[in-house]
Amino acid sequence: MDDEPAARADSVTFKLPVPPLEYRRLVGRPDEHFYDGSTPEPIFTGLDDNRFHNVLDFGCGAGRLAGDLMRRGARRYLGIDRHPNMIDWCRAHLSPLKPGFDFAHHDVFHPVFNPNGTPGHLPLPCDDRGVTLFIAISVFTHLLEEDAAFYLRELGRVLAPEGTAITTWFLFDKGDFPMMQEFQNALMINPCDLTNAVIFDRDWMIKTASDADLLVTKIEPPSIRGFHWSIHFERRAPGRSSAAFPLDLAPPGLSRPPLS
C-alpha cells in the first residue's frame, strides 16, 4: 500500500486506507482493491439516491462497503460488527474521511472475535423505521436460527417505509429432508463453530420475514451453485408484490468460508 495519505471522501477521486491483511482474510476479501476505492463500478446499483440517506451496514467488518457508500454520497452511515478491533480500526481510519460515517461495536458473543460478548443477540442501535438502506452481506449466513429470526424482526423494526434491505442467505428446500422436525429449519456444516456457515429453509425465511412485516421484493440467484442468494426486503405496503424465486442455474464451484 502506498504511504500517501488518503484524500477526503468528498473529493471526486480518493484513495482509502487499506485494513491489515489479518482483517481482510477474516472477511474473505484479502485483495487491496476491494478496500482502497480503486474499483470503478459501484457495488450497489439500481437504487435511487434517497436510499442512501441513512445506511446501516450490519456486519461491516473492516469497512469494505463504507468507501463505496462514501462515493455514492451516503449522508449518514453506521457500520456495526462484533469484532471490536475491526471497529476500532474503522473508527480511526475511515470515520475521519467523511462526516456522518460512524462505526459501533455490536457486543455479541463470538468464540474467537468477541469471547466476552453477550450470548445470542442484541437490538440494533437504530430508531424505528429510520434506516433507508439496510445491508447485511454474509451475516444471516452466520447466524443460528433463533438469532436470524430475532434480526429479521429487528430489520422489520428499523427499516423505513420506503427503505430497502440487501441481505445474503444460504437456502435449501426442507421438503428434500423428510427427517427434519417442524422446528428445525437450518443446517450447519462445522461442528466446532456452528455459525461457520448456516443454511436456512427458504419457506421458513419467507414466513419469518413476513411475520416481521417484510416482503421479498428482489432475488438474485447465486453465482456459484448453492452459494449466496441475494435477497432484497421492503416493508409490506399496498401495491407492493413479492418476487418469485428463480432457479439456481449457476455452475458448480467452491467458495469456502474462512475458519476462525
C-alpha atoms as a PDB file:
ATOM      1  CA  MET A   1       0.000   0.000   0.000  1.00  0.00           C
ATOM      2  CA  ASP A   2       1.264   3.474  -0.845  1.00  0.00           C
ATOM      3  CA  ASP A   3       2.271   5.744   2.013  1.00  0.00           C
ATOM      4  CA  GLU A   4       0.475   8.763   0.531  1.00  0.00           C
ATOM      5  CA  PRO A   5      -2.344   9.999   2.763  1.00  0.00           C
ATOM      6  CA  ALA A   6      -5.915   9.213   1.838  1.00  0.00           C
ATOM      7  CA  ALA A   7      -7.796  12.137   0.378  1.00  0.00           C
ATOM      8  CA  ARG A   8     -11.054  13.246   1.951  1.00  0.00           C
ATOM      9  CA  ALA A   9     -14.088  11.349   0.768  1.00  0.00           C
ATOM     10  CA  ASP A  10     -15.807  14.423  -0.615  1.00  0.00           C
ATOM     11  CA  SER A  11     -13.162  14.613  -3.367  1.00  0.00           C
ATOM     12  CA  VAL A  12     -14.014  13.499  -6.894  1.00  0.00           C
ATOM     13  CA  THR A  13     -11.498  10.697  -6.503  1.00  0.00           C
ATOM     14  CA  PHE A  14      -9.957   9.499  -3.299  1.00  0.00           C
ATOM     15  CA  LYS A  15      -7.885   6.643  -2.017  1.00  0.00           C
ATOM     16  CA  LEU A  16      -8.930   4.827   1.106  1.00  0.00           C
ATOM     17  CA  PRO A  17      -6.604   3.298   3.677  1.00  0.00           C
ATOM     18  CA  VAL A  18      -6.454  -0.483   3.459  1.00  0.00           C
ATOM     19  CA  PRO A  19      -7.080  -2.565   6.589  1.00  0.00           C
ATOM     20  CA  PRO A  20      -4.462  -5.066   7.808  1.00  0.00           C
ATOM     21  CA  LEU A  21      -4.229  -8.327   5.909  1.00  0.00           C
ATOM     22  CA  GLU A  22      -5.363 -10.232   9.013  1.00  0.00           C
ATOM     23  CA  TYR A  23      -8.745  -8.458   8.922  1.00  0.00           C
ATOM     24  CA  ARG A  24      -9.122  -8.803   5.174  1.00  0.00           C
ATOM     25  CA  ARG A  25      -8.583 -12.551   5.404  1.00  0.00           C
ATOM     26  CA  LEU A  26     -11.155 -12.884   8.183  1.00  0.00           C
ATOM     27  CA  VAL A  27     -13.864 -11.385   5.984  1.00  0.00           C
ATOM     28  CA  GLY A  28     -12.783 -13.404   2.945  1.00  0.00           C
ATOM     29  CA  ARG A  29     -11.655 -10.456   0.772  1.00  0.00           C
ATOM     30  CA  PRO A  30      -7.862 -10.136   1.047  1.00  0.00           C
ATOM     31  CA  ASP A  31      -7.172  -8.138  -2.149  1.00  0.00           C
ATOM     32  CA  GLU A  32      -6.454  -4.456  -1.517  1.00  0.00           C
ATOM     33  CA  HIS A  33      -8.564  -3.211  -4.429  1.00  0.00           C
ATOM     34  CA  PHE A  34     -11.726  -4.235  -2.577  1.00  0.00           C
ATOM     35  CA  TYR A  35     -10.933  -1.551   0.027  1.00  0.00           C
ATOM     36  CA  ASP A  36      -8.840   1.237  -1.459  1.00  0.00           C
ATOM     37  CA  GLY A  37     -11.552   2.877  -3.592  1.00  0.00           C
ATOM     38  CA  SER A  38      -9.930   1.921  -6.901  1.00  0.00           C
ATOM     39  CA  THR A  39     -12.831  -0.260  -8.130  1.00  0.00           C
ATOM     40  CA  PRO A  40     -14.587   1.898 -10.740  1.00  0.00           C
ATOM     41  CA  GLU A  41     -18.054   0.326 -10.624  1.00  0.00           C
ATOM     42  CA  PRO A  42     -20.300   0.902  -7.580  1.00  0.00           C
ATOM     43  CA  ILE A  43     -21.216  -2.143  -5.527  1.00  0.00           C
ATOM     44  CA  PHE A  44     -24.877  -1.185  -5.195  1.00  0.00           C
ATOM     45  CA  THR A  45     -26.779  -0.336  -8.388  1.00  0.00           C
ATOM     46  CA  GLY A  46     -30.424   0.187  -9.243  1.00  0.00           C
ATOM     47  CA  LEU A  47     -31.171   2.175  -6.076  1.00  0.00           C
ATOM     48  CA  ASP A  48     -32.373   5.773  -6.086  1.00  0.00           C
ATOM     49  CA  ASP A  49     -30.433   8.392  -4.160  1.00  0.00           C
ATOM     50  CA  ASN A  50     -32.989   8.505  -1.341  1.00  0.00           C
ATOM     51  CA  ARG A  51     -31.924   5.022  -0.301  1.00  0.00           C
ATOM     52  CA  PHE A  52     -28.513   6.411   0.693  1.00  0.00           C
ATOM     53  CA  HIS A  53     -29.895   8.889   3.221  1.00  0.00           C
ATOM     54  CA  ASN A  54     -29.433   6.682   6.308  1.00  0.00           C
ATOM     55  CA  VAL A  55     -27.459   3.450   5.855  1.00  0.00           C
ATOM     56  CA  LEU A  56     -26.958   0.635   8.360  1.00  0.00           C
ATOM     57  CA  ASP A  57     -24.167  -1.791   7.445  1.00  0.00           C
ATOM     58  CA  PHE A  58     -24.810  -4.788   9.707  1.00  0.00           C
ATOM     59  CA  GLY A  59     -21.607  -6.858   9.836  1.00  0.00           C
ATOM     60  CA  CYS A  60     -19.401  -4.122   8.373  1.00  0.00           C
ATOM     61  CA  GLY A  61     -16.149  -5.954   9.129  1.00  0.00           C
ATOM     62  CA  ALA A  62     -13.152  -3.835   8.166  1.00  0.00           C
ATOM     63  CA  GLY A  63     -15.229  -1.285   6.248  1.00  0.00           C
ATOM     64  CA  ARG A  64     -15.143  -2.712   2.721  1.00  0.00           C
ATOM     65  CA  LEU A  65     -18.531  -1.217   1.794  1.00  0.00           C
ATOM     66  CA  ALA A  66     -18.017   2.118   3.542  1.00  0.00           C
ATOM     67  CA  GLY A  67     -15.752   3.530   0.831  1.00  0.00           C
ATOM     68  CA  ASP A  68     -18.219   2.711  -1.926  1.00  0.00           C
ATOM     69  CA  LEU A  69     -21.001   4.360   0.062  1.00  0.00           C
ATOM     70  CA  MET A  70     -18.859   7.464   0.553  1.00  0.00           C
ATOM     71  CA  ARG A  71     -18.503   7.713  -3.211  1.00  0.00           C
ATOM     72  CA  ARG A  72     -22.244   7.185  -3.627  1.00  0.00           C
ATOM     73  CA  GLY A  73     -22.867  10.228  -1.442  1.00  0.00           C
ATOM     74  CA  ALA A  74     -24.456   8.447   1.519  1.00  0.00           C
ATOM     75  CA  ARG A  75     -25.410  11.137   4.024  1.00  0.00           C
ATOM     76  CA  ARG A  76     -25.364   9.030   7.147  1.00  0.00           C
ATOM     77  CA  TYR A  77     -23.723   5.627   7.627  1.00  0.00           C
ATOM     78  CA  LEU A  78     -23.401   3.366  10.639  1.00  0.00           C
ATOM     79  CA  GLY A  79     -21.309   0.210  10.422  1.00  0.00           C
ATOM     80  CA  ILE A  80     -21.644  -2.338  13.218  1.00  0.00           C
ATOM     81  CA  ASP A  81     -19.726  -5.529  13.840  1.00  0.00           C
ATOM     82  CA  ARG A  82     -18.983  -7.840  16.761  1.00  0.00           C
ATOM     83  CA  HIS A  83     -15.214  -7.777  16.085  1.00  0.00           C
ATOM     84  CA  PRO A  84     -14.047  -4.917  18.363  1.00  0.00           C
ATOM     85  CA  ASN A  85     -10.611  -4.465  16.791  1.00  0.00           C
ATOM     86  CA  MET A  86     -12.041  -4.054  13.296  1.00  0.00           C
ATOM     87  CA  ILE A  87     -14.429  -1.416  14.626  1.00  0.00           C
ATOM     88  CA  ASP A  88     -11.528   0.400  16.295  1.00  0.00           C
ATOM     89  CA  TRP A  89      -9.604   0.358  13.013  1.00  0.00           C
ATOM     90  CA  CYS A  90     -12.593   1.716  11.061  1.00  0.00           C
ATOM     91  CA  ARG A  91     -13.156   4.483  13.602  1.00  0.00           C
ATOM     92  CA  ALA A  92      -9.513   5.536  13.415  1.00  0.00           C
ATOM     93  CA  HIS A  93      -9.038   5.340   9.638  1.00  0.00           C
ATOM     94  CA  LEU A  94     -12.443   5.742   7.938  1.00  0.00           C
ATOM     95  CA  SER A  95     -14.667   7.892  10.162  1.00  0.00           C
ATOM     96  CA  PRO A  96     -12.390  10.971   9.796  1.00  0.00           C
ATOM     97  CA  LEU A  97     -12.765  10.872   5.995  1.00  0.00           C
ATOM     98  CA  LYS A  98     -16.403  11.968   5.918  1.00  0.00           C
ATOM     99  CA  PRO A  99     -18.817  13.468   8.453  1.00  0.00           C
ATOM    100  CA  GLY A 100     -21.732  11.212   9.299  1.00  0.00           C
ATOM    101  CA  PHE A 101     -19.787   7.960   8.858  1.00  0.00           C
ATOM    102  CA  ASP A 102     -19.647   6.138  12.197  1.00  0.00           C
ATOM    103  CA  PHE A 103     -18.862   2.653  13.470  1.00  0.00           C
ATOM    104  CA  ALA A 104     -20.080   0.863  16.601  1.00  0.00           C
ATOM    105  CA  HIS A 105     -19.203  -2.391  18.300  1.00  0.00           C
ATOM    106  CA  HIS A 106     -22.128  -4.835  18.344  1.00  0.00           C
ATOM    107  CA  ASP A 107     -21.166  -6.613  21.543  1.00  0.00           C
ATOM    108  CA  VAL A 108     -22.485 -10.096  20.762  1.00  0.00           C
ATOM    109  CA  PHE A 109     -20.574 -13.252  21.638  1.00  0.00           C
ATOM    110  CA  HIS A 110     -18.259 -14.968  19.186  1.00  0.00           C
ATOM    111  CA  PRO A 111     -15.869 -17.643  20.470  1.00  0.00           C
ATOM    112  CA  VAL A 112     -12.845 -16.038  18.750  1.00  0.00           C
ATOM    113  CA  PHE A 113     -13.756 -12.482  17.710  1.00  0.00           C
ATOM    114  CA  ASN A 114     -15.653 -11.439  20.843  1.00  0.00           C
ATOM    115  CA  PRO A 115     -15.461 -14.111  23.584  1.00  0.00           C
ATOM    116  CA  ASN A 116     -16.779 -11.805  26.332  1.00  0.00           C
ATOM    117  CA  GLY A 117     -19.789 -10.570  24.365  1.00  0.00           C
ATOM    118  CA  THR A 118     -23.472 -11.051  25.103  1.00  0.00           C
ATOM    119  CA  PRO A 119     -24.657 -14.549  24.098  1.00  0.00           C
ATOM    120  CA  GLY A 120     -27.193 -14.717  21.301  1.00  0.00           C
ATOM    121  CA  HIS A 121     -28.216 -11.292  20.040  1.00  0.00           C
ATOM    122  CA  LEU A 122     -28.751  -7.629  20.887  1.00  0.00           C
ATOM    123  CA  PRO A 123     -31.091  -4.945  19.479  1.00  0.00           C
ATOM    124  CA  LEU A 124     -29.744  -2.908  16.593  1.00  0.00           C
ATOM    125  CA  PRO A 125     -28.704   0.639  17.621  1.00  0.00           C
ATOM    126  CA  CYS A 126     -31.236   2.369  15.344  1.00  0.00           C
ATOM    127  CA  ASP A 127     -34.538   4.179  15.689  1.00  0.00           C
ATOM    128  CA  ASP A 128     -37.759   2.603  14.482  1.00  0.00           C
ATOM    129  CA  ARG A 129     -38.383   2.946  10.739  1.00  0.00           C
ATOM    130  CA  GLY A 130     -35.389   5.209  10.174  1.00  0.00           C
ATOM    131  CA  VAL A 131     -32.998   3.114   8.043  1.00  0.00           C
ATOM    132  CA  THR A 132     -33.317   3.756   4.310  1.00  0.00           C
ATOM    133  CA  LEU A 133     -30.717   1.164   3.268  1.00  0.00           C
ATOM    134  CA  PHE A 134     -30.045  -1.883   5.424  1.00  0.00           C
ATOM    135  CA  ILE A 135     -27.070  -4.011   4.364  1.00  0.00           C
ATOM    136  CA  ALA A 136     -26.324  -7.469   5.745  1.00  0.00           C
ATOM    137  CA  ILE A 137     -23.818  -9.209   3.464  1.00  0.00           C
ATOM    138  CA  SER A 138     -22.612 -12.551   4.852  1.00  0.00           C
ATOM    139  CA  VAL A 139     -24.468 -12.036   8.131  1.00  0.00           C
ATOM    140  CA  PHE A 140     -27.547 -14.268   8.054  1.00  0.00           C
ATOM    141  CA  THR A 141     -25.264 -16.954   6.624  1.00  0.00           C
ATOM    142  CA  HIS A 142     -23.525 -16.994  10.038  1.00  0.00           C
ATOM    143  CA  LEU A 143     -26.460 -16.856  12.472  1.00  0.00           C
ATOM    144  CA  LEU A 144     -28.249 -19.612  14.333  1.00  0.00           C
ATOM    145  CA  GLU A 145     -31.969 -19.938  13.666  1.00  0.00           C
ATOM    146  CA  GLU A 146     -33.131 -18.130  16.806  1.00  0.00           C
ATOM    147  CA  ASP A 147     -30.750 -15.247  16.169  1.00  0.00           C
ATOM    148  CA  ALA A 148     -31.682 -14.991  12.478  1.00  0.00           C
ATOM    149  CA  ALA A 149     -35.354 -14.718  13.449  1.00  0.00           C
ATOM    150  CA  PHE A 150     -34.505 -12.018  16.008  1.00  0.00           C
ATOM    151  CA  TYR A 151     -32.571  -9.918  13.493  1.00  0.00           C
ATOM    152  CA  LEU A 152     -35.299 -10.252  10.860  1.00  0.00           C
ATOM    153  CA  ARG A 153     -37.666  -8.781  13.449  1.00  0.00           C
ATOM    154  CA  GLU A 154     -35.129  -6.031  14.118  1.00  0.00           C
ATOM    155  CA  LEU A 155     -34.891  -5.393  10.381  1.00  0.00           C
ATOM    156  CA  GLY A 156     -38.669  -5.054  10.287  1.00  0.00           C
ATOM    157  CA  ARG A 157     -38.476  -2.567  13.150  1.00  0.00           C
ATOM    158  CA  VAL A 158     -35.749  -0.268  11.790  1.00  0.00           C
ATOM    159  CA  LEU A 159     -36.471  -0.279   8.036  1.00  0.00           C
ATOM    160  CA  ALA A 160     -38.082   2.921   6.729  1.00  0.00           C
ATOM    161  CA  PRO A 161     -41.401   2.701   4.824  1.00  0.00           C
ATOM    162  CA  GLU A 162     -39.574   3.323   1.523  1.00  0.00           C
ATOM    163  CA  GLY A 163     -36.350   1.633   2.596  1.00  0.00           C
ATOM    164  CA  THR A 164     -34.580  -1.367   1.080  1.00  0.00           C
ATOM    165  CA  ALA A 165     -32.678  -4.173   2.769  1.00  0.00           C
ATOM    166  CA  ILE A 166     -29.978  -6.085   0.880  1.00  0.00           C
ATOM    167  CA  THR A 167     -29.105  -9.397   2.507  1.00  0.00           C
ATOM    168  CA  THR A 168     -27.461 -12.698   1.584  1.00  0.00           C
ATOM    169  CA  TRP A 169     -28.520 -16.202   2.555  1.00  0.00           C
ATOM    170  CA  PHE A 170     -27.663 -19.846   2.058  1.00  0.00           C
ATOM    171  CA  LEU A 171     -31.001 -21.536   1.264  1.00  0.00           C
ATOM    172  CA  PHE A 172     -32.345 -25.053   0.856  1.00  0.00           C
ATOM    173  CA  ASP A 173     -35.747 -26.726   0.459  1.00  0.00           C
ATOM    174  CA  LYS A 174     -36.702 -28.502   3.668  1.00  0.00           C
ATOM    175  CA  GLY A 175     -39.041 -30.722   1.663  1.00  0.00           C
ATOM    176  CA  ASP A 176     -35.941 -32.564   0.464  1.00  0.00           C
ATOM    177  CA  PHE A 177     -35.085 -33.517   4.076  1.00  0.00           C
ATOM    178  CA  PRO A 178     -38.017 -35.581   5.408  1.00  0.00           C
ATOM    179  CA  MET A 179     -36.195 -36.399   8.639  1.00  0.00           C
ATOM    180  CA  MET A 180     -36.270 -32.766   9.847  1.00  0.00           C
ATOM    181  CA  GLN A 181     -38.657 -31.757  12.621  1.00  0.00           C
ATOM    182  CA  GLU A 182     -41.092 -28.864  12.198  1.00  0.00           C
ATOM    183  CA  PHE A 183     -38.990 -26.670  14.489  1.00  0.00           C
ATOM    184  CA  GLN A 184     -35.739 -27.453  12.652  1.00  0.00           C
ATOM    185  CA  ASN A 185     -35.147 -25.047   9.782  1.00  0.00           C
ATOM    186  CA  ALA A 186     -31.369 -24.711   9.487  1.00  0.00           C
ATOM    187  CA  LEU A 187     -28.392 -26.865   8.533  1.00  0.00           C
ATOM    188  CA  MET A 188     -24.823 -26.349   9.737  1.00  0.00           C
ATOM    189  CA  ILE A 189     -21.525 -27.574   8.271  1.00  0.00           C
ATOM    190  CA  ASN A 190     -19.000 -27.183  11.099  1.00  0.00           C
ATOM    191  CA  PRO A 191     -19.433 -28.953  14.476  1.00  0.00           C
ATOM    192  CA  CYS A 192     -16.690 -26.793  16.058  1.00  0.00           C
ATOM    193  CA  ASP A 193     -18.243 -23.481  15.012  1.00  0.00           C
ATOM    194  CA  LEU A 194     -21.942 -23.845  14.200  1.00  0.00           C
ATOM    195  CA  THR A 195     -22.062 -20.346  12.714  1.00  0.00           C
ATOM    196  CA  ASN A 196     -19.250 -21.001  10.218  1.00  0.00           C
ATOM    197  CA  ALA A 197     -21.984 -21.390   7.574  1.00  0.00           C
ATOM    198  CA  VAL A 198     -25.722 -21.757   8.235  1.00  0.00           C
ATOM    199  CA  ILE A 199     -28.208 -22.826   5.537  1.00  0.00           C
ATOM    200  CA  PHE A 200     -31.883 -21.916   6.031  1.00  0.00           C
ATOM    201  CA  ASP A 201     -35.089 -23.396   4.702  1.00  0.00           C
ATOM    202  CA  ARG A 202     -36.388 -20.981   2.078  1.00  0.00           C
ATOM    203  CA  ASP A 203     -40.026 -21.139   3.193  1.00  0.00           C
ATOM    204  CA  TRP A 204     -39.004 -20.521   6.812  1.00  0.00           C
ATOM    205  CA  MET A 205     -37.083 -17.423   5.745  1.00  0.00           C
ATOM    206  CA  ILE A 206     -40.047 -16.060   3.760  1.00  0.00           C
ATOM    207  CA  LYS A 207     -42.548 -16.704   6.577  1.00  0.00           C
ATOM    208  CA  THR A 208     -40.291 -15.289   9.295  1.00  0.00           C
ATOM    209  CA  ALA A 209     -39.718 -12.166   7.224  1.00  0.00           C
ATOM    210  CA  SER A 210     -43.463 -11.850   6.584  1.00  0.00           C
ATOM    211  CA  ASP A 211     -44.137 -12.084  10.322  1.00  0.00           C
ATOM    212  CA  ALA A 212     -41.763  -9.106  10.667  1.00  0.00           C
ATOM    213  CA  ASP A 213     -43.835  -7.108   8.117  1.00  0.00           C
ATOM    214  CA  LEU A 214     -41.226  -7.666   5.397  1.00  0.00           C
ATOM    215  CA  LEU A 215     -41.678  -8.686   1.786  1.00  0.00           C
ATOM    216  CA  VAL A 216     -39.101 -10.279  -0.530  1.00  0.00           C
ATOM    217  CA  THR A 217     -39.065  -7.858  -3.468  1.00  0.00           C
ATOM    218  CA  LYS A 218     -35.943  -8.838  -5.409  1.00  0.00           C
ATOM    219  CA  ILE A 219     -33.967 -12.068  -5.665  1.00  0.00           C
ATOM    220  CA  GLU A 220     -30.609 -12.661  -7.301  1.00  0.00           C
ATOM    221  CA  PRO A 221     -29.574 -16.321  -7.594  1.00  0.00           C
ATOM    222  CA  PRO A 222     -26.063 -17.487  -6.650  1.00  0.00           C
ATOM    223  CA  SER A 223     -23.103 -17.045  -8.964  1.00  0.00           C
ATOM    224  CA  ILE A 224     -21.854 -20.438  -7.706  1.00  0.00           C
ATOM    225  CA  ARG A 225     -24.457 -23.180  -7.369  1.00  0.00           C
ATOM    226  CA  GLY A 226     -25.774 -23.337  -3.813  1.00  0.00           C
ATOM    227  CA  PHE A 227     -23.867 -20.259  -2.644  1.00  0.00           C
ATOM    228  CA  HIS A 228     -25.172 -16.779  -1.666  1.00  0.00           C
ATOM    229  CA  TRP A 229     -28.694 -15.825  -2.645  1.00  0.00           C
ATOM    230  CA  SER A 230     -29.080 -12.026  -2.637  1.00  0.00           C
ATOM    231  CA  ILE A 231     -32.454 -11.219  -1.082  1.00  0.00           C
ATOM    232  CA  HIS A 232     -33.931  -7.703  -1.035  1.00  0.00           C
ATOM    233  CA  PHE A 233     -36.616  -6.903   1.526  1.00  0.00           C
ATOM    234  CA  GLU A 234     -39.021  -3.994   1.721  1.00  0.00           C
ATOM    235  CA  ARG A 235     -41.860  -3.247   4.102  1.00  0.00           C
ATOM    236  CA  ARG A 236     -45.277  -4.624   3.244  1.00  0.00           C
ATOM    237  CA  ALA A 237     -47.343  -1.922   1.545  1.00  0.00           C
ATOM    238  CA  PRO A 238     -50.375  -1.704  -0.770  1.00  0.00           C
ATOM    239  CA  GLY A 239     -49.370  -2.418  -4.350  1.00  0.00           C
ATOM    240  CA  ARG A 240     -46.019  -3.900  -3.359  1.00  0.00           C
ATOM    241  CA  SER A 241     -45.690  -7.519  -4.507  1.00  0.00           C
ATOM    242  CA  SER A 242     -43.315 -10.323  -3.644  1.00  0.00           C
ATOM    243  CA  ALA A 243     -40.717 -11.662  -6.061  1.00  0.00           C
ATOM    244  CA  ALA A 244     -40.694 -15.240  -7.331  1.00  0.00           C
ATOM    245  CA  PHE A 245     -37.628 -17.389  -6.768  1.00  0.00           C
ATOM    246  CA  PRO A 246     -35.695 -18.214  -9.941  1.00  0.00           C
ATOM    247  CA  LEU A 247     -33.919 -21.496 -10.436  1.00  0.00           C
ATOM    248  CA  ASP A 248     -30.315 -21.838  -9.299  1.00  0.00           C
ATOM    249  CA  LEU A 249     -28.650 -22.488 -12.654  1.00  0.00           C
ATOM    250  CA  ALA A 250     -25.172 -21.334 -11.631  1.00  0.00           C
ATOM    251  CA  PRO A 251     -22.191 -23.570 -12.419  1.00  0.00           C
ATOM    252  CA  PRO A 252     -20.657 -25.628  -9.599  1.00  0.00           C
ATOM    253  CA  GLY A 253     -17.679 -24.161  -7.786  1.00  0.00           C
ATOM    254  CA  LEU A 254     -16.060 -23.549  -4.412  1.00  0.00           C
ATOM    255  CA  SER A 255     -16.123 -20.537  -2.083  1.00  0.00           C
ATOM    256  CA  ARG A 256     -15.291 -21.850   1.365  1.00  0.00           C
ATOM    257  CA  PRO A 257     -15.871 -19.540   4.359  1.00  0.00           C
ATOM    258  CA  PRO A 258     -12.815 -18.552   6.414  1.00  0.00           C
ATOM    259  CA  LEU A 259     -12.232 -20.660   9.520  1.00  0.00           C
ATOM    260  CA  SER A 260     -11.928 -18.913  12.870  1.00  0.00           C
END
